[in-house]
């Protein structure tokens, strides 16, 4: 499975961005897709995840009320709409695909999101 992210950039606080992650390859093995982020000097953390078969998306507390995760199964693509961005949202955002094999997951190359104050 290959994951390709797009949509990062430099924005001002209060702005919005939409990240996209397109999966290709053995996409039938994907059980869930989501977004993680890693700020300088910090550990990678979950932002949001959504199952490919339905169910309620899971969002980190920091994302609730501001971020929305959605998916288009026909396009094997997951989106992260980020509103009301804050400087503390600055990080590299990574797309993640979880599979039906417990020990197998895939990562994208990451896309930089920088929010200026």
C-alpha atoms as a PDB file:
ATOM      1  CA  UNK A   1       0.000   0.000   0.000  1.00  0.00           C
ATOM      2  CA  UNK A   2       1.284   3.417  -0.926  1.00  0.00           C
ATOM      3  CA  UNK A   3      -0.015   6.591   0.710  1.00  0.00           C
ATOM      4  CA  UNK A   4       0.453  10.009  -0.875  1.00  0.00           C
ATOM      5  CA  UNK A   5      -0.432  13.107   1.113  1.00  0.00           C
ATOM      6  CA  UNK A   6      -1.110  16.599  -0.149  1.00  0.00           C
ATOM      7  CA  UNK A   7      -2.521  19.885   1.066  1.00  0.00           C
ATOM      8  CA  UNK A   8      -0.060  21.109   3.662  1.00  0.00           C
ATOM      9  CA  UNK A   9       1.325  24.610   3.715  1.00  0.00           C
ATOM     10  CA  UNK A  10       1.914  27.831   5.592  1.00  0.00           C
ATOM     11  CA  UNK A  11      -1.169  29.634   6.871  1.00  0.00           C
ATOM     12  CA  UNK A  12      -2.089  32.229   9.455  1.00  0.00           C
ATOM     13  CA  UNK A  13      -3.817  31.409  12.706  1.00  0.00           C
ATOM     14  CA  UNK A  14      -7.553  31.085  12.243  1.00  0.00           C
ATOM     15  CA  UNK A  15      -7.233  29.788   8.705  1.00  0.00           C
ATOM     16  CA  UNK A  16      -8.289  26.447   7.277  1.00  0.00           C
ATOM     17  CA  UNK A  17      -6.489  23.709   5.395  1.00  0.00           C
ATOM     18  CA  UNK A  18      -7.612  20.429   3.916  1.00  0.00           C
ATOM     19  CA  UNK A  19      -5.203  17.528   3.790  1.00  0.00           C
ATOM     20  CA  UNK A  20      -5.728  14.620   1.414  1.00  0.00           C
ATOM     21  CA  UNK A  21      -4.268  11.149   1.471  1.00  0.00           C
ATOM     22  CA  UNK A  22      -4.684   8.819  -1.478  1.00  0.00           C
ATOM     23  CA  UNK A  23      -4.003   5.131  -1.085  1.00  0.00           C
ATOM     24  CA  UNK A  24      -2.956   2.824  -3.885  1.00  0.00           C
ATOM     25  CA  UNK A  25      -1.890  -0.783  -4.189  1.00  0.00           C
ATOM     26  CA  UNK A  26      -3.502  -3.460  -2.044  1.00  0.00           C
ATOM     27  CA  UNK A  27      -6.159  -1.124  -0.689  1.00  0.00           C
ATOM     28  CA  UNK A  28      -8.496  -4.031   0.057  1.00  0.00           C
ATOM     29  CA  UNK A  29      -6.307  -4.763   3.078  1.00  0.00           C
ATOM     30  CA  UNK A  30      -6.983  -1.358   4.632  1.00  0.00           C
ATOM     31  CA  UNK A  31      -9.219  -1.361   7.704  1.00  0.00           C
ATOM     32  CA  UNK A  32      -8.837   2.248   8.769  1.00  0.00           C
ATOM     33  CA  UNK A  33      -7.172   5.447   7.690  1.00  0.00           C
ATOM     34  CA  UNK A  34      -6.143   8.363   9.768  1.00  0.00           C
ATOM     35  CA  UNK A  35      -3.825  11.224  10.493  1.00  0.00           C
ATOM     36  CA  UNK A  36      -1.023  11.595  12.974  1.00  0.00           C
ATOM     37  CA  UNK A  37       1.213  14.582  13.536  1.00  0.00           C
ATOM     38  CA  UNK A  38       4.647  15.207  14.932  1.00  0.00           C
ATOM     39  CA  UNK A  39       5.872  18.571  16.095  1.00  0.00           C
ATOM     40  CA  UNK A  40       9.595  19.277  16.591  1.00  0.00           C
ATOM     41  CA  UNK A  41      10.855  17.645  19.751  1.00  0.00           C
ATOM     42  CA  UNK A  42       7.590  15.847  20.390  1.00  0.00           C
ATOM     43  CA  UNK A  43       6.290  12.351  19.866  1.00  0.00           C
ATOM     44  CA  UNK A  44       4.007  11.479  16.999  1.00  0.00           C
ATOM     45  CA  UNK A  45       0.397  11.709  18.112  1.00  0.00           C
ATOM     46  CA  UNK A  46      -2.968  10.671  16.768  1.00  0.00           C
ATOM     47  CA  UNK A  47      -5.111  13.416  15.280  1.00  0.00           C
ATOM     48  CA  UNK A  48      -8.037  11.514  13.778  1.00  0.00           C
ATOM     49  CA  UNK A  49      -8.903   8.092  12.422  1.00  0.00           C
ATOM     50  CA  UNK A  50     -11.834   6.681  10.486  1.00  0.00           C
ATOM     51  CA  UNK A  51     -12.772   3.137   9.574  1.00  0.00           C
ATOM     52  CA  UNK A  52     -13.192   2.220   5.939  1.00  0.00           C
ATOM     53  CA  UNK A  53     -16.267   0.181   6.746  1.00  0.00           C
ATOM     54  CA  UNK A  54     -18.151   2.850   8.623  1.00  0.00           C
ATOM     55  CA  UNK A  55     -18.334   3.714  12.270  1.00  0.00           C
ATOM     56  CA  UNK A  56     -17.758   6.877  14.210  1.00  0.00           C
ATOM     57  CA  UNK A  57     -14.505   8.705  13.556  1.00  0.00           C
ATOM     58  CA  UNK A  58     -12.140   9.121  16.462  1.00  0.00           C
ATOM     59  CA  UNK A  59     -10.587  12.531  17.046  1.00  0.00           C
ATOM     60  CA  UNK A  60      -8.007  13.683  19.525  1.00  0.00           C
ATOM     61  CA  UNK A  61      -9.232  16.179  22.086  1.00  0.00           C
ATOM     62  CA  UNK A  62      -7.131  18.861  20.393  1.00  0.00           C
ATOM     63  CA  UNK A  63      -8.982  18.239  17.134  1.00  0.00           C
ATOM     64  CA  UNK A  64     -12.549  18.059  18.392  1.00  0.00           C
ATOM     65  CA  UNK A  65     -14.691  20.936  17.241  1.00  0.00           C
ATOM     66  CA  UNK A  66     -12.099  22.137  14.719  1.00  0.00           C
ATOM     67  CA  UNK A  67     -11.054  19.188  12.550  1.00  0.00           C
ATOM     68  CA  UNK A  68     -13.174  16.842  10.476  1.00  0.00           C
ATOM     69  CA  UNK A  69     -12.011  13.562   9.009  1.00  0.00           C
ATOM     70  CA  UNK A  70     -13.839  12.045   6.082  1.00  0.00           C
ATOM     71  CA  UNK A  71     -13.228   9.390   3.483  1.00  0.00           C
ATOM     72  CA  UNK A  72     -14.110   8.554  -0.094  1.00  0.00           C
ATOM     73  CA  UNK A  73     -13.841   4.795  -0.383  1.00  0.00           C
ATOM     74  CA  UNK A  74     -14.344   4.895  -4.149  1.00  0.00           C
ATOM     75  CA  UNK A  75     -11.194   7.004  -4.425  1.00  0.00           C
ATOM     76  CA  UNK A  76      -9.362   5.297  -1.542  1.00  0.00           C
ATOM     77  CA  UNK A  77      -8.814   8.759  -0.140  1.00  0.00           C
ATOM     78  CA  UNK A  78      -9.114  10.225   3.323  1.00  0.00           C
ATOM     79  CA  UNK A  79      -9.378  13.931   4.056  1.00  0.00           C
ATOM     80  CA  UNK A  80      -8.652  16.057   7.087  1.00  0.00           C
ATOM     81  CA  UNK A  81     -10.363  19.433   7.115  1.00  0.00           C
ATOM     82  CA  UNK A  82      -8.713  21.662   9.670  1.00  0.00           C
ATOM     83  CA  UNK A  83     -10.482  24.850  10.698  1.00  0.00           C
ATOM     84  CA  UNK A  84      -9.504  27.552  13.168  1.00  0.00           C
ATOM     85  CA  UNK A  85      -5.878  26.544  12.980  1.00  0.00           C
ATOM     86  CA  UNK A  86      -3.603  27.506  15.843  1.00  0.00           C
ATOM     87  CA  UNK A  87       0.194  27.855  15.992  1.00  0.00           C
ATOM     88  CA  UNK A  88       0.274  24.732  18.161  1.00  0.00           C
ATOM     89  CA  UNK A  89      -1.109  22.769  15.215  1.00  0.00           C
ATOM     90  CA  UNK A  90       2.217  23.263  13.465  1.00  0.00           C
ATOM     91  CA  UNK A  91       3.666  19.843  12.724  1.00  0.00           C
ATOM     92  CA  UNK A  92       4.371  17.298  10.045  1.00  0.00           C
ATOM     93  CA  UNK A  93       1.130  15.468   9.384  1.00  0.00           C
ATOM     94  CA  UNK A  94       1.351  11.810   8.439  1.00  0.00           C
ATOM     95  CA  UNK A  95      -1.298   9.679   6.840  1.00  0.00           C
ATOM     96  CA  UNK A  96      -1.670   6.217   8.296  1.00  0.00           C
ATOM     97  CA  UNK A  97      -3.446   3.121   7.026  1.00  0.00           C
ATOM     98  CA  UNK A  98      -4.229   0.311   9.408  1.00  0.00           C
ATOM     99  CA  UNK A  99      -4.843  -3.124   7.989  1.00  0.00           C
ATOM    100  CA  UNK A 100      -6.624  -6.286   8.973  1.00  0.00           C
ATOM    101  CA  UNK A 101      -3.208  -7.699   9.862  1.00  0.00           C
ATOM    102  CA  UNK A 102      -2.525  -6.552  13.397  1.00  0.00           C
ATOM    103  CA  UNK A 103       1.164  -5.918  12.845  1.00  0.00           C
ATOM    104  CA  UNK A 104       0.942  -4.236   9.462  1.00  0.00           C
ATOM    105  CA  UNK A 105       0.376  -0.527   8.953  1.00  0.00           C
ATOM    106  CA  UNK A 106       1.475   1.952   6.357  1.00  0.00           C
ATOM    107  CA  UNK A 107       2.629   5.548   6.523  1.00  0.00           C
ATOM    108  CA  UNK A 108       2.786   8.389   4.075  1.00  0.00           C
ATOM    109  CA  UNK A 109       5.830  10.584   3.658  1.00  0.00           C
ATOM    110  CA  UNK A 110       4.332  13.434   5.658  1.00  0.00           C
ATOM    111  CA  UNK A 111       3.207  16.938   4.791  1.00  0.00           C
ATOM    112  CA  UNK A 112       4.251  20.060   6.659  1.00  0.00           C
ATOM    113  CA  UNK A 113       1.606  22.298   8.200  1.00  0.00           C
ATOM    114  CA  UNK A 114       2.853  25.578   9.602  1.00  0.00           C
ATOM    115  CA  UNK A 115       0.520  28.003  11.341  1.00  0.00           C
ATOM    116  CA  UNK A 116       1.841  31.491  12.003  1.00  0.00           C
ATOM    117  CA  UNK A 117       0.507  33.702  14.764  1.00  0.00           C
END
